[in-house]
């Protein structure tokens, strides 16, 4: 059976332990000694003096007892403060649009030394081939990359069309892989609550490992049932009250601050001396533009300290030790003997001004990560086969036959993935509500279904269209526009280039980002991606869009597990009622 102690970073080899014990007996010399530094004690909330003695990637001793231990290399840290490397408790590398090696190059110098990722975005496109590519990548990165086994491919069976299934037999084959910690986010919570045998089989198969959750707005008896099933955490919490209930019921709250879903401000008050072991941090979906502008987990820690006045030892605790304890990673998250030497060195705890990062006792700036990205990518053999197999669409296919009456409309919520469900009146000429645009979901896996059409409020396009082949989680094409011609042009452009983002204005493609890997990932550098996203955002503003991250926001309009109203290739889906509904209300049902 699977054993968490057999996972990556969990155990010292007999040889490593023998060396550490010999160094402590002063019979051997360690490989590295960091001097002239302070150490943040996450447990007691104190700042203690160094040094830190490291051997073969693990901490041997620290503080006054390490003063007289010998090392082959001594580094003067010039008064800096050491904190444990940051651990991202839930994220999808794919939605950064970077490959794992480019993600590592970009975020490891920012202090993110470990990630717990779910590759279900790529698995939804290419199946287990995508999952196995992630495992190969995890074995090649310096960054500790843990890969949860995707639980919901597709997100909800029967409601959408994706590229491939991921069966339980396929999933179970990875239970013993050293980089697999458990089952990824269980999004189909109705199947859990209704005791569907197929879902219970998944939970049982992974019961000895971690079971990750996904239950936005769930409360009361339903939340109790979800927690009773063994699911241990949720990263979809949006309010303090919701988070408090989850903590009270023993569920860890993974506080998210992504590119669109920004929950940190609402949930920061949850973090106290009592609750901090059950509070973790994550980015979930954070793109290179946001990372370049603000940062990664270092930004979350800085905001907790500066904006919310969280005590530094608590802010750094929830960014590292809390996640390590939650996932059972016994040698990560602390600066202590026998722990992996993943360290962030900075001059000011409040500013989170990271000067140097060590991963496994190696200075990151000496690893030459940039030079190895292309070689590692080639060796990893990514699934680069074409995945856009729908025929070109016509403007006529995107027309909505609007008649006088009431319509179900998706309304986006600022800085959230949840949506509101509006009922809007069409008087024969226009909607009584303003800023309503057309929404299309186009199946892209070769089934040649006609586009599913809906209506969305909040993007405020006044002409043109935008489109994306990133449509969580099945990743069909999502397009929003004012006129059918612009929408068809945007959709067909993505079909031609193999996927990505684009903007159409006055009959021309004014900006694009190509995502050739599964239609969801770029092969470019994070700097190039960030520049292209900036151009896309500027182009989107020129057609009236006011949403800060329009492409990330629109991608979640296709995810039928987050309330309240979403769209799939099969039509409009009411998440609260968990059923497909018509775009137009029947006259007898109008309000």
Protein backbone atom coordinates (compact mmCIF):
# COMPACT_ATOMS: atom_id res chain seq x y z
CA UNK A 1 0.00 0.00 0.00
CA UNK A 2 1.02 3.63 -0.45
CA UNK A 3 3.06 5.12 2.38
CA UNK A 4 3.53 8.86 2.87
CA UNK A 5 6.95 8.22 4.37
CA UNK A 6 8.19 6.84 1.05
CA UNK A 7 7.53 10.12 -0.74
CA UNK A 8 9.99 12.70 -2.07
CA UNK A 9 12.04 14.56 0.61
CA UNK A 10 10.63 12.40 3.41
CA UNK A 11 13.60 10.30 4.44
CA UNK A 12 17.33 10.63 4.84
CA UNK A 13 19.30 7.80 3.33
CA UNK A 14 21.33 5.67 5.72
CA UNK A 15 24.46 7.26 4.28
CA UNK A 16 23.14 10.81 4.82
CA UNK A 17 22.13 10.09 8.39
CA UNK A 18 25.47 8.45 9.11
CA UNK A 19 27.28 11.56 7.83
CA UNK A 20 25.09 13.93 9.84
CA UNK A 21 25.69 11.99 13.04
CA UNK A 22 29.44 11.95 12.37
CA UNK A 23 29.42 15.73 11.81
CA UNK A 24 27.55 16.22 15.08
CA UNK A 25 30.20 14.10 16.81
CA UNK A 26 32.76 16.43 15.16
CA UNK A 27 34.33 13.49 13.33
CA UNK A 28 33.52 14.79 9.82
CA UNK A 29 33.22 18.13 8.03
CA UNK A 30 29.92 19.44 6.71
CA UNK A 31 29.57 20.78 3.16
CA UNK A 32 28.25 24.28 4.02
CA UNK A 33 28.04 26.69 6.93
CA UNK A 34 26.00 29.89 6.82
CA UNK A 35 27.31 32.49 9.28
CA UNK A 36 26.42 36.00 10.40
CA UNK A 37 22.65 35.50 10.11
CA UNK A 38 19.50 35.27 12.21
CA UNK A 39 16.84 32.56 12.07
CA UNK A 40 13.07 33.03 12.36
CA UNK A 41 11.64 30.40 14.73
CA UNK A 42 8.16 29.70 13.37
CA UNK A 43 7.12 27.69 16.41
CA UNK A 44 8.00 30.09 19.22
CA UNK A 45 7.80 33.32 17.25
CA UNK A 46 11.38 34.29 18.11
CA UNK A 47 14.38 35.42 16.11
CA UNK A 48 17.51 33.51 17.05
CA UNK A 49 21.15 33.80 16.01
CA UNK A 50 22.80 31.44 13.56
CA UNK A 51 24.86 29.84 12.18
CA UNK A 52 23.25 27.06 10.10
CA UNK A 53 25.32 24.01 9.22
CA UNK A 54 24.21 22.06 6.13
CA UNK A 55 25.37 18.78 4.62
CA UNK A 56 24.25 17.17 1.38
CA UNK A 57 21.13 19.31 1.26
CA UNK A 58 19.92 18.84 4.83
CA UNK A 59 20.32 20.93 7.98
CA UNK A 60 22.70 19.41 10.53
CA UNK A 61 22.55 21.97 13.35
CA UNK A 62 21.91 25.64 14.02
CA UNK A 63 22.50 28.33 16.61
CA UNK A 64 25.19 28.32 19.24
CA UNK A 65 25.59 24.54 19.16
CA UNK A 66 26.63 24.78 15.50
CA UNK A 67 29.34 27.39 16.12
CA UNK A 68 32.18 24.92 16.40
CA UNK A 69 31.13 22.48 13.68
CA UNK A 70 33.41 22.50 10.66
CA UNK A 71 32.40 22.97 7.01
CA UNK A 72 34.16 22.88 3.66
CA UNK A 73 32.50 26.12 2.59
CA UNK A 74 31.60 29.07 4.80
CA UNK A 75 29.26 31.81 3.52
CA UNK A 76 28.91 35.14 5.32
CA UNK A 77 25.20 36.07 5.11
CA UNK A 78 25.90 39.67 6.18
CA UNK A 79 23.23 39.91 8.85
CA UNK A 80 20.36 38.45 6.80
CA UNK A 81 17.41 36.58 8.30
CA UNK A 82 16.64 32.99 7.30
CA UNK A 83 13.07 31.70 6.93
CA UNK A 84 11.88 28.35 5.53
CA UNK A 85 11.21 28.15 1.80
CA UNK A 86 7.60 28.76 0.80
CA UNK A 87 5.17 25.95 -0.06
CA UNK A 88 2.29 26.58 -2.47
CA UNK A 89 -0.48 24.35 -1.09
CA UNK A 90 -2.54 24.15 -4.27
CA UNK A 91 -1.89 25.26 -7.82
CA UNK A 92 -1.96 24.31 -11.48
CA UNK A 93 1.28 24.90 -13.35
CA UNK A 94 -0.67 24.93 -16.60
CA UNK A 95 -2.69 28.00 -15.67
CA UNK A 96 0.52 29.93 -15.22
CA UNK A 97 0.78 29.19 -19.00
CA UNK A 98 4.40 28.14 -18.32
CA UNK A 99 6.00 24.72 -18.50
CA UNK A 100 7.17 23.32 -15.13
CA UNK A 101 10.78 24.21 -15.92
CA UNK A 102 9.97 27.81 -16.82
CA UNK A 103 7.73 28.02 -13.76
CA UNK A 104 10.63 26.83 -11.62
CA UNK A 105 13.00 29.38 -13.18
CA UNK A 106 10.50 32.15 -12.49
CA UNK A 107 9.22 31.32 -8.99
CA UNK A 108 12.10 29.53 -7.25
CA UNK A 109 14.15 32.77 -7.01
CA UNK A 110 11.04 34.36 -5.41
CA UNK A 111 11.22 31.86 -2.56
CA UNK A 112 8.69 29.23 -3.66
CA UNK A 113 10.71 26.10 -2.99
CA UNK A 114 7.83 23.59 -3.04
CA UNK A 115 4.54 23.27 -4.91
CA UNK A 116 1.60 20.90 -4.59
CA UNK A 117 0.13 20.86 -8.07
CA UNK A 118 -2.80 19.24 -9.81
CA UNK A 119 -2.23 18.80 -13.57
CA UNK A 120 -5.89 18.19 -14.32
CA UNK A 121 -5.90 20.98 -16.90
CA UNK A 122 -3.55 19.06 -19.19
CA UNK A 123 -5.00 15.67 -18.19
CA UNK A 124 -8.41 16.89 -19.37
CA UNK A 125 -6.84 17.57 -22.76
CA UNK A 126 -4.56 14.54 -23.32
CA UNK A 127 -5.32 12.11 -20.47
CA UNK A 128 -2.73 10.11 -18.59
CA UNK A 129 -0.04 11.11 -21.08
CA UNK A 130 -0.23 14.60 -19.60
CA UNK A 131 -0.08 13.29 -16.05
CA UNK A 132 2.98 11.16 -16.77
CA UNK A 133 4.72 14.14 -18.37
CA UNK A 134 4.21 16.08 -15.13
CA UNK A 135 5.71 13.20 -13.16
CA UNK A 136 8.75 13.18 -15.44
CA UNK A 137 9.11 16.92 -14.92
CA UNK A 138 8.82 16.53 -11.14
CA UNK A 139 11.83 14.23 -11.19
CA UNK A 140 13.90 16.84 -13.06
CA UNK A 141 13.19 20.03 -11.10
CA UNK A 142 15.16 21.44 -8.18
CA UNK A 143 11.91 22.91 -6.88
CA UNK A 144 10.07 20.26 -4.84
CA UNK A 145 7.21 19.41 -7.16
CA UNK A 146 4.47 17.21 -5.71
CA UNK A 147 1.82 16.04 -8.17
CA UNK A 148 -1.65 15.18 -6.90
CA UNK A 149 -3.60 12.60 -8.89
CA UNK A 150 -6.35 14.43 -10.78
CA UNK A 151 -9.70 13.29 -9.37
CA UNK A 152 -12.26 14.86 -11.68
CA UNK A 153 -11.52 14.37 -15.37
CA UNK A 154 -13.90 15.71 -16.60
CA UNK A 155 -14.93 17.98 -13.72
CA UNK A 156 -18.47 16.55 -13.72
CA UNK A 157 -19.16 13.52 -15.96
CA UNK A 158 -21.89 14.02 -18.53
CA UNK A 159 -22.00 17.81 -18.34
CA UNK A 160 -19.16 18.64 -20.71
CA UNK A 161 -16.86 17.18 -23.35
CA UNK A 162 -13.13 17.04 -22.75
CA UNK A 163 -10.18 15.41 -24.49
CA UNK A 164 -9.75 12.25 -22.47
CA UNK A 165 -10.93 10.22 -19.49
CA UNK A 166 -8.72 9.39 -16.50
CA UNK A 167 -10.03 6.15 -15.03
CA UNK A 168 -9.65 4.96 -11.48
CA UNK A 169 -7.46 2.08 -12.62
CA UNK A 170 -5.18 4.60 -14.34
CA UNK A 171 -5.18 6.81 -11.25
CA UNK A 172 -4.29 3.98 -8.86
CA UNK A 173 -1.16 3.20 -10.85
CA UNK A 174 0.46 6.34 -9.38
CA UNK A 175 -0.29 5.76 -5.69
CA UNK A 176 3.28 4.74 -4.91
CA UNK A 177 5.07 7.34 -7.03
CA UNK A 178 7.43 9.32 -4.75
CA UNK A 179 6.11 12.69 -5.99
CA UNK A 180 2.40 11.84 -5.48
CA UNK A 181 0.95 12.92 -2.12
CA UNK A 182 -2.67 12.01 -2.74
CA UNK A 183 -5.90 12.78 -4.58
CA UNK A 184 -6.28 16.21 -6.18
CA UNK A 185 -9.22 18.55 -5.58
CA UNK A 186 -12.51 16.65 -5.46
CA UNK A 187 -14.69 19.14 -7.31
CA UNK A 188 -17.73 16.94 -7.83
CA UNK A 189 -19.01 17.43 -4.30
CA UNK A 190 -22.60 16.38 -5.20
CA UNK A 191 -21.25 12.91 -6.01
CA UNK A 192 -19.56 12.83 -2.62
CA UNK A 193 -22.68 13.96 -0.76
CA UNK A 194 -24.94 11.57 -2.67
CA UNK A 195 -22.59 8.66 -2.05
CA UNK A 196 -22.08 7.78 -5.70
CA UNK A 197 -20.15 4.49 -5.79
CA UNK A 198 -17.61 5.67 -8.38
CA UNK A 199 -16.67 8.67 -6.23
CA UNK A 200 -16.53 6.63 -3.03
CA UNK A 201 -14.22 4.19 -4.83
CA UNK A 202 -11.81 7.06 -5.56
CA UNK A 203 -11.84 8.27 -1.97
CA UNK A 204 -11.24 4.74 -0.70
CA UNK A 205 -8.36 4.14 -3.11
CA UNK A 206 -6.50 7.22 -1.84
CA UNK A 207 -7.63 7.10 1.79
CA UNK A 208 -4.11 6.48 3.13
CA UNK A 209 -2.82 9.65 1.43
CA UNK A 210 -4.09 13.23 1.21
CA UNK A 211 -7.58 13.99 -0.07
CA UNK A 212 -7.81 17.53 -1.43
CA UNK A 213 -11.12 19.36 -1.54
CA UNK A 214 -13.04 21.94 -3.56
CA UNK A 215 -16.33 23.02 -2.00
CA UNK A 216 -17.17 26.71 -2.55
CA UNK A 217 -19.99 28.02 -0.33
CA UNK A 218 -20.73 24.56 1.10
CA UNK A 219 -22.00 24.72 4.70
CA UNK A 220 -24.12 23.01 7.30
CA UNK A 221 -24.93 19.33 6.94
CA UNK A 222 -23.55 19.25 3.40
CA UNK A 223 -20.15 20.49 4.58
CA UNK A 224 -20.26 18.00 7.44
CA UNK A 225 -20.83 15.20 4.95
CA UNK A 226 -18.00 16.39 2.76
CA UNK A 227 -15.60 16.54 5.71
CA UNK A 228 -16.81 13.17 7.03
CA UNK A 229 -15.84 11.60 3.71
CA UNK A 230 -12.19 12.23 4.61
CA UNK A 231 -11.54 15.27 2.43
CA UNK A 232 -9.08 17.46 4.27
CA UNK A 233 -8.90 20.95 2.77
CA UNK A 234 -10.53 23.55 0.53
CA UNK A 235 -8.98 26.39 -1.48
CA UNK A 236 -12.33 27.77 -2.72
CA UNK A 237 -13.37 29.58 0.47
CA UNK A 238 -14.54 33.13 -0.20
CA UNK A 239 -15.72 34.54 3.16
CA UNK A 240 -14.55 34.68 6.76
CA UNK A 241 -17.72 33.01 8.00
CA UNK A 242 -17.34 30.17 5.50
CA UNK A 243 -13.69 29.71 6.48
CA UNK A 244 -14.47 29.73 10.20
CA UNK A 245 -17.00 26.93 9.77
CA UNK A 246 -14.53 24.84 7.79
CA UNK A 247 -11.82 25.32 10.42
CA UNK A 248 -14.27 24.44 13.20
CA UNK A 249 -15.06 21.20 11.38
CA UNK A 250 -11.38 20.30 11.09
CA UNK A 251 -10.91 21.24 7.43
CA UNK A 252 -7.76 23.13 6.46
CA UNK A 253 -8.43 26.40 4.66
CA UNK A 254 -5.97 27.05 1.84
CA UNK A 255 -6.07 30.83 1.43
CA UNK A 256 -5.86 31.75 -2.26
CA UNK A 257 -4.63 34.85 -4.01
CA UNK A 258 -4.47 34.19 -7.74
CA UNK A 259 -4.79 36.35 -10.83
CA UNK A 260 -8.60 36.52 -10.57
CA UNK A 261 -9.66 34.75 -7.38
CA UNK A 262 -8.39 37.07 -4.68
CA UNK A 263 -9.54 35.72 -1.32
CA UNK A 264 -6.63 36.70 0.92
CA UNK A 265 -8.11 39.96 2.18
CA UNK A 266 -11.37 38.30 3.22
CA UNK A 267 -9.67 35.31 4.85
CA UNK A 268 -6.59 36.85 6.47
CA UNK A 269 -8.48 37.43 9.77
CA UNK A 270 -8.77 33.64 10.09
CA UNK A 271 -5.04 33.42 10.84
CA UNK A 272 -4.37 33.30 14.59
CA UNK A 273 -1.94 31.48 16.89
CA UNK A 274 -4.64 28.84 17.36
CA UNK A 275 -5.77 28.38 13.75
CA UNK A 276 -2.50 28.85 11.85
CA UNK A 277 -1.67 25.11 11.64
CA UNK A 278 -4.87 24.70 9.59
CA UNK A 279 -4.32 27.80 7.42
CA UNK A 280 -2.20 27.41 4.27
CA UNK A 281 -1.43 29.67 1.31
CA UNK A 282 -1.85 28.98 -2.39
CA UNK A 283 -1.92 30.75 -5.73
CA UNK A 284 -4.08 28.25 -7.68
CA UNK A 285 -4.01 30.29 -10.92
CA UNK A 286 -1.40 33.04 -11.19
CA UNK A 287 0.03 34.08 -14.56
CA UNK A 288 3.47 35.49 -15.44
CA UNK A 289 2.11 39.03 -15.77
CA UNK A 290 0.86 38.97 -12.20
CA UNK A 291 4.03 37.26 -10.98
CA UNK A 292 6.22 39.87 -12.67
CA UNK A 293 4.12 42.75 -11.32
CA UNK A 294 3.55 41.53 -7.76
CA UNK A 295 5.33 38.28 -7.08
CA UNK A 296 4.32 34.76 -6.10
CA UNK A 297 3.89 33.49 -2.53
CA UNK A 298 6.27 36.21 -1.39
CA UNK A 299 3.55 38.71 -2.35
CA UNK A 300 0.95 36.91 -0.23
CA UNK A 301 3.25 36.90 2.81
CA UNK A 302 4.06 40.58 2.34
CA UNK A 303 0.38 41.50 2.12
CA UNK A 304 -0.45 39.51 5.24
CA UNK A 305 2.21 41.36 7.21
CA UNK A 306 1.87 44.87 5.80
CA UNK A 307 -1.84 45.15 5.06
CA UNK A 308 -3.36 42.80 7.63
CA UNK A 309 -0.80 43.25 10.41
CA UNK A 310 -0.36 39.49 10.80
CA UNK A 311 2.64 38.78 13.02
CA UNK A 312 5.62 37.81 10.85
CA UNK A 313 6.11 34.39 12.40
CA UNK A 314 2.45 33.55 11.64
CA UNK A 315 2.64 34.86 8.08
CA UNK A 316 5.77 32.82 7.39
CA UNK A 317 4.29 29.84 9.23
CA UNK A 318 1.22 29.62 6.99
CA UNK A 319 3.52 29.98 3.96
CA UNK A 320 5.63 26.96 4.89
CA UNK A 321 5.31 24.87 8.05
CA UNK A 322 1.48 24.75 8.01
CA UNK A 323 1.50 23.27 4.50
CA UNK A 324 4.28 20.82 5.37
CA UNK A 325 2.36 19.60 8.42
CA UNK A 326 -0.89 19.36 6.50
CA UNK A 327 0.56 17.23 3.72
CA UNK A 328 2.69 15.15 6.07
CA UNK A 329 5.99 16.46 4.69
CA UNK A 330 8.12 15.80 7.75
CA UNK A 331 11.38 17.32 6.49
CA UNK A 332 10.03 20.52 4.95
CA UNK A 333 8.75 23.82 6.33
CA UNK A 334 11.09 24.46 9.26
CA UNK A 335 14.70 25.42 9.88
CA UNK A 336 15.60 22.53 12.15
CA UNK A 337 18.01 19.55 12.29
CA UNK A 338 17.23 16.89 9.71
CA UNK A 339 15.05 19.22 7.63
CA UNK A 340 15.78 19.89 3.98
CA UNK A 341 17.82 23.08 3.58
CA UNK A 342 15.22 25.05 1.62
CA UNK A 343 15.81 28.58 2.87
CA UNK A 344 14.94 32.16 1.99
CA UNK A 345 17.43 34.82 3.11
CA UNK A 346 16.23 38.42 3.47
CA UNK A 347 17.16 41.67 5.18
CA UNK A 348 13.69 42.65 6.41
CA UNK A 349 10.90 40.28 7.47
CA UNK A 350 8.24 42.94 6.94
CA UNK A 351 9.37 43.77 3.41
CA UNK A 352 9.87 40.10 2.41
CA UNK A 353 12.87 41.33 0.41
CA UNK A 354 14.35 37.97 -0.50
CA UNK A 355 18.02 38.32 -1.39
CA UNK A 356 19.01 34.68 -1.79
CA UNK A 357 17.23 31.33 -1.94
CA UNK A 358 18.68 27.92 -1.14
CA UNK A 359 17.07 24.72 -2.38
CA UNK A 360 18.52 21.55 -0.90
CA UNK A 361 21.46 23.57 0.38
CA UNK A 362 22.30 24.99 -3.05
CA UNK A 363 22.12 28.68 -3.86
CA UNK A 364 19.49 29.10 -6.55
CA UNK A 365 21.39 31.89 -8.33
CA UNK A 366 24.21 29.42 -8.93
CA UNK A 367 22.02 26.72 -10.51
CA UNK A 368 21.83 28.45 -13.92
CA UNK A 369 18.17 27.53 -14.27
CA UNK A 370 17.57 29.59 -17.41
CA UNK A 371 20.17 27.71 -19.43
CA UNK A 372 18.63 24.33 -18.61
CA UNK A 373 14.97 25.06 -19.42
CA UNK A 374 15.03 24.11 -23.11
CA UNK A 375 17.16 20.99 -22.60
CA UNK A 376 15.00 19.73 -19.75
CA UNK A 377 11.86 20.40 -21.76
CA UNK A 378 13.16 18.39 -24.67
CA UNK A 379 14.25 15.49 -22.47
CA UNK A 380 10.87 15.45 -20.70
CA UNK A 381 9.09 14.81 -24.04
CA UNK A 382 6.00 17.04 -23.60
CA UNK A 383 2.74 16.10 -25.36
CA UNK A 384 2.86 18.59 -28.23
CA UNK A 385 0.36 16.86 -30.54
CA UNK A 386 -2.37 19.12 -32.03
CA UNK A 387 -5.47 19.31 -29.86
CA UNK A 388 -7.71 21.74 -31.80
CA UNK A 389 -9.89 19.54 -34.00
CA UNK A 390 -13.08 21.48 -34.60
CA UNK A 391 -13.92 22.76 -38.06
CA UNK A 392 -14.07 26.50 -38.61
CA UNK A 393 -17.24 28.11 -37.25
CA UNK A 394 -19.45 30.58 -39.11
CA UNK A 395 -21.04 33.75 -37.85
CA UNK A 396 -24.49 32.23 -38.43
CA UNK A 397 -23.69 29.46 -35.92
CA UNK A 398 -23.11 32.10 -33.26
CA UNK A 399 -26.41 33.92 -33.63
CA UNK A 400 -28.89 33.98 -30.75
CA UNK A 401 -32.51 34.29 -31.78
CA UNK A 402 -33.53 36.86 -29.18
CA UNK A 403 -37.26 37.24 -28.64
CA UNK A 404 -39.11 39.41 -26.19
CA UNK A 405 -38.86 37.78 -22.80
CA UNK A 406 -36.60 36.99 -19.85
CA UNK A 407 -33.18 35.39 -20.16
CA UNK A 408 -30.76 33.66 -17.80
CA UNK A 409 -27.54 35.69 -17.76
CA UNK A 410 -24.17 34.95 -16.15
CA UNK A 411 -22.89 37.92 -14.16
CA UNK A 412 -19.24 37.92 -13.14
CA UNK A 413 -18.19 38.84 -9.60
CA UNK A 414 -15.15 41.06 -9.15
CA UNK A 415 -12.06 39.17 -7.94
CA UNK A 416 -13.99 35.90 -7.66
CA UNK A 417 -14.58 32.72 -9.67
CA UNK A 418 -18.17 32.47 -8.48
CA UNK A 419 -20.83 34.16 -10.61
CA UNK A 420 -24.25 35.61 -10.04
CA UNK A 421 -27.35 34.33 -11.81
CA UNK A 422 -29.32 37.21 -13.32
CA UNK A 423 -32.72 37.22 -14.98
CA UNK A 424 -32.62 39.96 -17.64
CA UNK A 425 -35.47 41.27 -19.78
CA UNK A 426 -35.19 41.66 -23.57
CA UNK A 427 -37.84 44.09 -24.82
CA UNK A 428 -37.58 43.19 -28.50
CA UNK A 429 -34.79 45.69 -29.23
CA UNK A 430 -32.38 45.56 -26.31
CA UNK A 431 -31.87 44.28 -22.80
CA UNK A 432 -33.10 46.43 -19.96
CA UNK A 433 -29.78 45.63 -18.24
CA UNK A 434 -26.68 47.22 -19.77
CA UNK A 435 -23.34 45.67 -20.75
CA UNK A 436 -24.61 42.24 -21.75
CA UNK A 437 -22.42 40.41 -24.27
CA UNK A 438 -22.73 37.16 -26.18
CA UNK A 439 -20.89 34.10 -24.88
CA UNK A 440 -19.95 31.05 -26.94
CA UNK A 441 -18.42 27.72 -25.91
CA UNK A 442 -17.03 25.74 -28.84
CA UNK A 443 -16.11 22.06 -28.39
CA UNK A 444 -12.61 21.54 -29.77
CA UNK A 445 -11.97 17.78 -29.65
CA UNK A 446 -13.43 16.77 -33.01
CA UNK A 447 -17.06 16.02 -32.13
CA UNK A 448 -18.12 18.95 -34.35
CA UNK A 449 -20.92 20.04 -32.02
CA UNK A 450 -22.55 23.39 -32.79
CA UNK A 451 -21.45 26.22 -30.48
CA UNK A 452 -23.31 26.55 -27.19
CA UNK A 453 -24.54 30.11 -26.80
CA UNK A 454 -25.20 32.20 -23.71
CA UNK A 455 -25.13 35.72 -22.31
CA UNK A 456 -22.70 37.31 -19.87
CA UNK A 457 -22.66 40.60 -17.98
CA UNK A 458 -19.57 42.35 -16.62
CA UNK A 459 -17.01 42.34 -19.43
CA UNK A 460 -18.48 45.49 -21.04
CA UNK A 461 -17.29 44.96 -24.61
CA UNK A 462 -18.62 47.67 -26.88
CA UNK A 463 -17.25 46.15 -30.09
CA UNK A 464 -15.12 43.21 -31.24
CA UNK A 465 -14.46 39.97 -29.38
CA UNK A 466 -12.01 38.00 -27.25
CA UNK A 467 -11.44 34.25 -27.24
CA UNK A 468 -9.47 31.66 -25.29
CA UNK A 469 -8.75 27.94 -25.59
CA UNK A 470 -8.21 27.88 -21.82
CA UNK A 471 -11.68 27.02 -20.56
CA UNK A 472 -11.57 25.28 -17.19
CA UNK A 473 -11.56 22.38 -16.88
CA UNK A 474 -12.41 20.74 -20.19
CA UNK A 475 -10.63 23.51 -22.12
CA UNK A 476 -13.02 24.07 -24.95
CA UNK A 477 -12.90 27.46 -26.66
CA UNK A 478 -14.56 30.35 -24.85
CA UNK A 479 -15.45 33.51 -26.77
CA UNK A 480 -17.16 36.73 -25.72
CA UNK A 481 -18.20 39.39 -28.19
CA UNK A 482 -20.58 42.01 -29.46
CA UNK A 483 -21.09 40.67 -32.99
CA UNK A 484 -21.01 37.18 -34.45
CA UNK A 485 -18.46 38.03 -37.15
CA UNK A 486 -15.84 39.14 -34.64
CA UNK A 487 -16.50 36.11 -32.44
CA UNK A 488 -16.16 33.72 -35.38
CA UNK A 489 -12.91 35.40 -36.42
CA UNK A 490 -11.47 35.04 -32.91
CA UNK A 491 -12.51 31.39 -32.56
CA UNK A 492 -11.18 30.40 -35.97
CA UNK A 493 -7.89 32.14 -35.31
CA UNK A 494 -7.35 29.99 -32.22
CA UNK A 495 -8.24 26.87 -34.20
CA UNK A 496 -5.58 27.80 -36.77
CA UNK A 497 -2.75 28.60 -34.33
CA UNK A 498 -3.31 25.58 -32.07
CA UNK A 499 -4.84 27.44 -29.15
CA UNK A 500 -4.18 30.50 -27.03
CA UNK A 501 -5.75 33.92 -26.39
CA UNK A 502 -6.69 36.60 -28.90
CA UNK A 503 -8.48 39.92 -29.33
CA UNK A 504 -10.43 41.05 -32.42
CA UNK A 505 -11.10 44.71 -33.18
CA UNK A 506 -12.52 46.10 -36.42
CA UNK A 507 -12.06 42.80 -38.22
CA UNK A 508 -8.40 42.38 -37.24
CA UNK A 509 -6.50 40.26 -34.72
CA UNK A 510 -4.91 42.96 -32.56
CA UNK A 511 -3.23 40.75 -29.95
CA UNK A 512 -2.56 37.08 -29.32
CA UNK A 513 -0.73 34.61 -27.09
CA UNK A 514 -0.04 31.24 -28.66
CA UNK A 515 -0.40 28.22 -26.35
CA UNK A 516 0.74 25.24 -28.44
CA UNK A 517 1.12 22.73 -25.57
CA UNK A 518 -2.38 21.33 -25.21
CA UNK A 519 -3.83 24.70 -26.18
CA UNK A 520 -3.14 25.85 -22.60
CA UNK A 521 0.64 26.28 -22.19
CA UNK A 522 3.31 28.40 -23.84
CA UNK A 523 6.86 27.38 -24.70
CA UNK A 524 8.12 30.94 -24.27
CA UNK A 525 9.90 32.54 -21.33
CA UNK A 526 7.84 34.05 -18.51
CA UNK A 527 9.08 37.50 -19.50
CA UNK A 528 7.85 37.05 -23.07
CA UNK A 529 4.51 35.68 -21.85
CA UNK A 530 4.11 38.62 -19.46
CA UNK A 531 4.74 41.09 -22.29
CA UNK A 532 2.20 39.36 -24.52
CA UNK A 533 -0.37 39.35 -21.73
CA UNK A 534 0.21 43.08 -21.26
CA UNK A 535 -0.42 43.62 -24.98
CA UNK A 536 -3.56 41.46 -24.78
CA UNK A 537 -4.88 43.41 -21.81
CA UNK A 538 -4.28 46.72 -23.59
CA UNK A 539 -6.04 45.41 -26.69
CA UNK A 540 -8.96 44.23 -24.54
CA UNK A 541 -9.28 47.67 -22.97
CA UNK A 542 -9.55 49.21 -26.43
CA UNK A 543 -12.73 47.23 -27.10
CA UNK A 544 -14.24 48.33 -23.80
CA UNK A 545 -13.27 45.55 -21.38
CA UNK A 546 -12.87 46.76 -17.81
CA UNK A 547 -12.08 43.41 -16.14
CA UNK A 548 -8.51 43.39 -14.79
CA UNK A 549 -7.74 39.81 -15.94
CA UNK A 550 -10.30 39.15 -18.70
CA UNK A 551 -8.77 35.96 -20.09
CA UNK A 552 -8.41 34.24 -16.73
CA UNK A 553 -11.87 35.45 -15.70
CA UNK A 554 -13.51 34.18 -18.89
CA UNK A 555 -11.80 30.80 -18.63
CA UNK A 556 -13.76 30.03 -15.46
CA UNK A 557 -17.11 30.76 -17.07
CA UNK A 558 -16.86 27.19 -18.39
CA UNK A 559 -16.31 25.44 -15.03
CA UNK A 560 -19.60 23.83 -13.88
CA UNK A 561 -18.58 23.19 -10.28
CA UNK A 562 -18.38 26.78 -9.02
CA UNK A 563 -21.70 28.60 -8.34
CA UNK A 564 -23.90 29.97 -9.56
CA UNK A 565 -24.28 29.92 -13.37
CA UNK A 566 -21.75 28.57 -15.90
CA UNK A 567 -21.58 27.36 -19.53
CA UNK A 568 -20.40 24.08 -21.06
CA UNK A 569 -20.57 22.75 -24.62
CA UNK A 570 -23.94 21.28 -23.64
CA UNK A 571 -25.43 24.63 -22.65
CA UNK A 572 -26.16 26.80 -19.66
CA UNK A 573 -25.60 25.09 -16.30
CA UNK A 574 -27.21 26.11 -13.02
CA UNK A 575 -24.66 24.97 -10.42
CA UNK A 576 -27.02 25.63 -7.48
CA UNK A 577 -29.65 23.29 -8.94
CA UNK A 578 -26.97 21.17 -10.62
CA UNK A 579 -28.79 20.93 -13.92
CA UNK A 580 -28.76 22.34 -17.44
CA UNK A 581 -31.25 25.13 -18.04
CA UNK A 582 -32.54 27.01 -21.09
CA UNK A 583 -31.13 30.38 -22.04
CA UNK A 584 -34.62 31.85 -22.36
CA UNK A 585 -37.16 31.37 -19.62
CA UNK A 586 -40.49 29.98 -20.68
CA UNK A 587 -43.12 32.76 -20.76
CA UNK A 588 -45.04 31.16 -17.91
CA UNK A 589 -41.94 31.32 -15.74
CA UNK A 590 -40.97 34.92 -16.43
CA UNK A 591 -40.68 37.37 -13.58
